[in-house]
């Protein structure tokens, strides 16, 4: 009789912007996000001085990140990764997906900077400004 195998929990590293990192380093995520808002959202923010980082994340994803110039050509790679995570709603993204989207962005802008998964990992791991945090996520895998 064949024995059924239990699902195996497989973990993989993903990355996101960690709001807690900003608190731990006495920095303001809301200020960092406010500097990247589009004109329309900046105008709305003037009317709502109590906007939280969560409010700004939502505005970024729904409005600002949809503009073509949000991920404009010539951005430093760390800034481009930060904006990519904002554009994706700060959902945890694995290294391959980040690399793929950044590579596509560079190619679309005819930017010949050399990138690799190793370079992306170094950018994410050595960050001391954007609050990138590695998060282990689990996937069930049937053997």
C-alpha atoms as a PDB file:
ATOM      1  CA  UNK A   1       0.000   0.000   0.000  1.00  0.00           C
ATOM      2  CA  UNK A   2       1.392   3.383  -0.979  1.00  0.00           C
ATOM      3  CA  UNK A   3       1.978   5.689   1.912  1.00  0.00           C
ATOM      4  CA  UNK A   4       0.857   9.293   1.512  1.00  0.00           C
ATOM      5  CA  UNK A   5       3.649  11.777   2.037  1.00  0.00           C
ATOM      6  CA  UNK A   6       3.027  14.822   4.148  1.00  0.00           C
ATOM      7  CA  UNK A   7       3.622  18.217   2.570  1.00  0.00           C
ATOM      8  CA  UNK A   8       7.094  19.590   3.241  1.00  0.00           C
ATOM      9  CA  UNK A   9       7.377  23.195   4.327  1.00  0.00           C
ATOM     10  CA  UNK A  10       9.898  24.889   2.053  1.00  0.00           C
ATOM     11  CA  UNK A  11      11.120  28.366   2.944  1.00  0.00           C
ATOM     12  CA  UNK A  12      12.418  30.998   0.587  1.00  0.00           C
ATOM     13  CA  UNK A  13      13.836  34.419   1.183  1.00  0.00           C
ATOM     14  CA  UNK A  14      11.724  37.359   0.162  1.00  0.00           C
ATOM     15  CA  UNK A  15      12.303  41.062   0.650  1.00  0.00           C
ATOM     16  CA  UNK A  16      10.110  43.988   1.578  1.00  0.00           C
ATOM     17  CA  UNK A  17      10.287  47.450   3.123  1.00  0.00           C
ATOM     18  CA  UNK A  18      10.023  46.972   6.877  1.00  0.00           C
ATOM     19  CA  UNK A  19       8.241  49.826   8.708  1.00  0.00           C
ATOM     20  CA  UNK A  20       9.641  48.482  12.002  1.00  0.00           C
ATOM     21  CA  UNK A  21      13.194  49.073  10.713  1.00  0.00           C
ATOM     22  CA  UNK A  22      12.463  52.807  10.551  1.00  0.00           C
ATOM     23  CA  UNK A  23      11.229  52.856  14.149  1.00  0.00           C
ATOM     24  CA  UNK A  24      14.296  50.911  15.305  1.00  0.00           C
ATOM     25  CA  UNK A  25      16.569  53.453  13.593  1.00  0.00           C
ATOM     26  CA  UNK A  26      14.615  56.569  14.669  1.00  0.00           C
ATOM     27  CA  UNK A  27      13.758  57.416  11.073  1.00  0.00           C
ATOM     28  CA  UNK A  28      10.471  58.407   9.488  1.00  0.00           C
ATOM     29  CA  UNK A  29       9.107  56.094   6.817  1.00  0.00           C
ATOM     30  CA  UNK A  30       6.267  58.563   6.225  1.00  0.00           C
ATOM     31  CA  UNK A  31       8.793  61.310   5.341  1.00  0.00           C
ATOM     32  CA  UNK A  32      10.677  59.013   2.971  1.00  0.00           C
ATOM     33  CA  UNK A  33       7.437  58.023   1.259  1.00  0.00           C
ATOM     34  CA  UNK A  34       6.087  61.593   1.131  1.00  0.00           C
ATOM     35  CA  UNK A  35       9.119  62.620  -0.911  1.00  0.00           C
ATOM     36  CA  UNK A  36       8.098  60.192  -3.652  1.00  0.00           C
ATOM     37  CA  UNK A  37       4.425  61.157  -3.928  1.00  0.00           C
ATOM     38  CA  UNK A  38       3.059  62.492  -7.201  1.00  0.00           C
ATOM     39  CA  UNK A  39       1.723  66.047  -7.380  1.00  0.00           C
ATOM     40  CA  UNK A  40      -1.909  64.967  -6.863  1.00  0.00           C
ATOM     41  CA  UNK A  41      -1.103  62.908  -3.772  1.00  0.00           C
ATOM     42  CA  UNK A  42       1.134  65.656  -2.332  1.00  0.00           C
ATOM     43  CA  UNK A  43      -1.796  68.052  -2.688  1.00  0.00           C
ATOM     44  CA  UNK A  44      -4.114  65.595  -0.889  1.00  0.00           C
ATOM     45  CA  UNK A  45      -1.459  65.106   1.810  1.00  0.00           C
ATOM     46  CA  UNK A  46      -1.453  68.845   2.522  1.00  0.00           C
ATOM     47  CA  UNK A  47      -5.133  68.447   3.442  1.00  0.00           C
ATOM     48  CA  UNK A  48      -4.373  65.409   5.619  1.00  0.00           C
ATOM     49  CA  UNK A  49      -1.309  66.113   7.742  1.00  0.00           C
ATOM     50  CA  UNK A  50      -2.089  63.033   9.865  1.00  0.00           C
ATOM     51  CA  UNK A  51      -1.499  60.575   7.011  1.00  0.00           C
ATOM     52  CA  UNK A  52       0.277  57.452   8.202  1.00  0.00           C
ATOM     53  CA  UNK A  53       2.929  55.436   6.388  1.00  0.00           C
ATOM     54  CA  UNK A  54       0.182  52.891   5.634  1.00  0.00           C
ATOM     55  CA  UNK A  55      -1.920  55.636   3.995  1.00  0.00           C
ATOM     56  CA  UNK A  56       1.096  56.653   1.921  1.00  0.00           C
ATOM     57  CA  UNK A  57       1.810  53.044   0.879  1.00  0.00           C
ATOM     58  CA  UNK A  58      -1.772  52.835  -0.345  1.00  0.00           C
ATOM     59  CA  UNK A  59      -1.546  56.134  -2.274  1.00  0.00           C
ATOM     60  CA  UNK A  60       1.733  55.038  -3.841  1.00  0.00           C
ATOM     61  CA  UNK A  61       0.350  51.757  -5.117  1.00  0.00           C
ATOM     62  CA  UNK A  62      -2.995  53.125  -6.305  1.00  0.00           C
ATOM     63  CA  UNK A  63      -1.812  56.374  -7.844  1.00  0.00           C
ATOM     64  CA  UNK A  64       1.833  57.473  -7.868  1.00  0.00           C
ATOM     65  CA  UNK A  65       3.390  54.156  -8.889  1.00  0.00           C
ATOM     66  CA  UNK A  66       1.096  53.945 -11.907  1.00  0.00           C
ATOM     67  CA  UNK A  67       2.772  56.972 -13.492  1.00  0.00           C
ATOM     68  CA  UNK A  68       5.457  56.123 -16.040  1.00  0.00           C
ATOM     69  CA  UNK A  69       7.958  58.497 -14.441  1.00  0.00           C
ATOM     70  CA  UNK A  70       7.694  56.784 -11.028  1.00  0.00           C
ATOM     71  CA  UNK A  71      10.407  54.358 -12.133  1.00  0.00           C
ATOM     72  CA  UNK A  72      12.247  56.839 -14.298  1.00  0.00           C
ATOM     73  CA  UNK A  73      15.461  56.048 -16.094  1.00  0.00           C
ATOM     74  CA  UNK A  74      18.750  56.803 -14.393  1.00  0.00           C
ATOM     75  CA  UNK A  75      17.610  56.082 -10.837  1.00  0.00           C
ATOM     76  CA  UNK A  76      20.257  54.523  -8.586  1.00  0.00           C
ATOM     77  CA  UNK A  77      19.602  50.779  -8.251  1.00  0.00           C
ATOM     78  CA  UNK A  78      18.708  50.972  -4.540  1.00  0.00           C
ATOM     79  CA  UNK A  79      16.146  53.691  -5.248  1.00  0.00           C
ATOM     80  CA  UNK A  80      14.778  51.657  -8.169  1.00  0.00           C
ATOM     81  CA  UNK A  81      14.350  48.597  -5.907  1.00  0.00           C
ATOM     82  CA  UNK A  82      12.634  50.781  -3.287  1.00  0.00           C
ATOM     83  CA  UNK A  83      10.223  52.155  -5.881  1.00  0.00           C
ATOM     84  CA  UNK A  84       9.616  48.687  -7.318  1.00  0.00           C
ATOM     85  CA  UNK A  85       8.593  47.424  -3.870  1.00  0.00           C
ATOM     86  CA  UNK A  86       6.306  50.449  -3.497  1.00  0.00           C
ATOM     87  CA  UNK A  87       4.806  49.826  -6.934  1.00  0.00           C
ATOM     88  CA  UNK A  88       4.106  46.229  -5.891  1.00  0.00           C
ATOM     89  CA  UNK A  89       2.347  47.371  -2.711  1.00  0.00           C
ATOM     90  CA  UNK A  90       5.309  46.334  -0.548  1.00  0.00           C
ATOM     91  CA  UNK A  91       4.390  42.687  -0.873  1.00  0.00           C
ATOM     92  CA  UNK A  92       7.299  40.354  -0.110  1.00  0.00           C
ATOM     93  CA  UNK A  93       9.145  39.621  -3.371  1.00  0.00           C
ATOM     94  CA  UNK A  94      11.790  36.979  -3.922  1.00  0.00           C
ATOM     95  CA  UNK A  95      15.218  37.838  -5.240  1.00  0.00           C
ATOM     96  CA  UNK A  96      14.582  36.381  -8.704  1.00  0.00           C
ATOM     97  CA  UNK A  97      11.431  38.454  -9.164  1.00  0.00           C
ATOM     98  CA  UNK A  98      13.145  41.659  -8.031  1.00  0.00           C
ATOM     99  CA  UNK A  99      16.089  40.949 -10.323  1.00  0.00           C
ATOM    100  CA  UNK A 100      13.812  40.155 -13.276  1.00  0.00           C
ATOM    101  CA  UNK A 101      11.727  43.321 -12.883  1.00  0.00           C
ATOM    102  CA  UNK A 102      14.792  45.542 -12.400  1.00  0.00           C
ATOM    103  CA  UNK A 103      16.501  43.953 -15.417  1.00  0.00           C
ATOM    104  CA  UNK A 104      13.371  44.543 -17.526  1.00  0.00           C
ATOM    105  CA  UNK A 105      13.214  48.152 -16.300  1.00  0.00           C
ATOM    106  CA  UNK A 106      16.871  48.713 -17.230  1.00  0.00           C
ATOM    107  CA  UNK A 107      16.375  47.169 -20.672  1.00  0.00           C
ATOM    108  CA  UNK A 108      13.229  49.229 -21.325  1.00  0.00           C
ATOM    109  CA  UNK A 109      15.229  52.369 -20.535  1.00  0.00           C
ATOM    110  CA  UNK A 110      18.190  51.271 -22.689  1.00  0.00           C
ATOM    111  CA  UNK A 111      20.311  51.316 -19.539  1.00  0.00           C
ATOM    112  CA  UNK A 112      23.329  49.044 -19.857  1.00  0.00           C
ATOM    113  CA  UNK A 113      24.180  48.757 -16.161  1.00  0.00           C
ATOM    114  CA  UNK A 114      25.217  45.251 -15.260  1.00  0.00           C
ATOM    115  CA  UNK A 115      22.913  43.556 -12.755  1.00  0.00           C
ATOM    116  CA  UNK A 116      22.690  40.015 -11.462  1.00  0.00           C
ATOM    117  CA  UNK A 117      20.897  38.248  -8.640  1.00  0.00           C
ATOM    118  CA  UNK A 118      24.149  38.528  -6.650  1.00  0.00           C
ATOM    119  CA  UNK A 119      24.233  42.309  -7.132  1.00  0.00           C
ATOM    120  CA  UNK A 120      20.550  42.593  -6.182  1.00  0.00           C
ATOM    121  CA  UNK A 121      21.141  40.510  -3.062  1.00  0.00           C
ATOM    122  CA  UNK A 122      24.094  42.712  -2.074  1.00  0.00           C
ATOM    123  CA  UNK A 123      21.980  45.847  -2.565  1.00  0.00           C
ATOM    124  CA  UNK A 124      19.206  44.436  -0.398  1.00  0.00           C
ATOM    125  CA  UNK A 125      21.471  43.006   2.313  1.00  0.00           C
ATOM    126  CA  UNK A 126      23.721  46.060   2.675  1.00  0.00           C
ATOM    127  CA  UNK A 127      20.897  48.617   2.852  1.00  0.00           C
ATOM    128  CA  UNK A 128      21.078  51.183   5.645  1.00  0.00           C
ATOM    129  CA  UNK A 129      18.582  53.703   4.250  1.00  0.00           C
ATOM    130  CA  UNK A 130      15.443  52.160   2.712  1.00  0.00           C
ATOM    131  CA  UNK A 131      14.535  49.588   5.363  1.00  0.00           C
ATOM    132  CA  UNK A 132      14.825  46.517   3.119  1.00  0.00           C
ATOM    133  CA  UNK A 133      14.267  43.418   5.221  1.00  0.00           C
ATOM    134  CA  UNK A 134      14.677  39.766   4.359  1.00  0.00           C
ATOM    135  CA  UNK A 135      11.612  37.743   5.315  1.00  0.00           C
ATOM    136  CA  UNK A 136      11.398  33.969   5.221  1.00  0.00           C
ATOM    137  CA  UNK A 137       8.149  32.786   3.683  1.00  0.00           C
ATOM    138  CA  UNK A 138       6.943  29.218   3.531  1.00  0.00           C
ATOM    139  CA  UNK A 139       5.524  27.255   0.637  1.00  0.00           C
ATOM    140  CA  UNK A 140       4.021  23.822   0.959  1.00  0.00           C
ATOM    141  CA  UNK A 141       5.601  21.347  -1.379  1.00  0.00           C
ATOM    142  CA  UNK A 142       4.338  17.856  -2.063  1.00  0.00           C
ATOM    143  CA  UNK A 143       7.061  15.199  -2.315  1.00  0.00           C
END
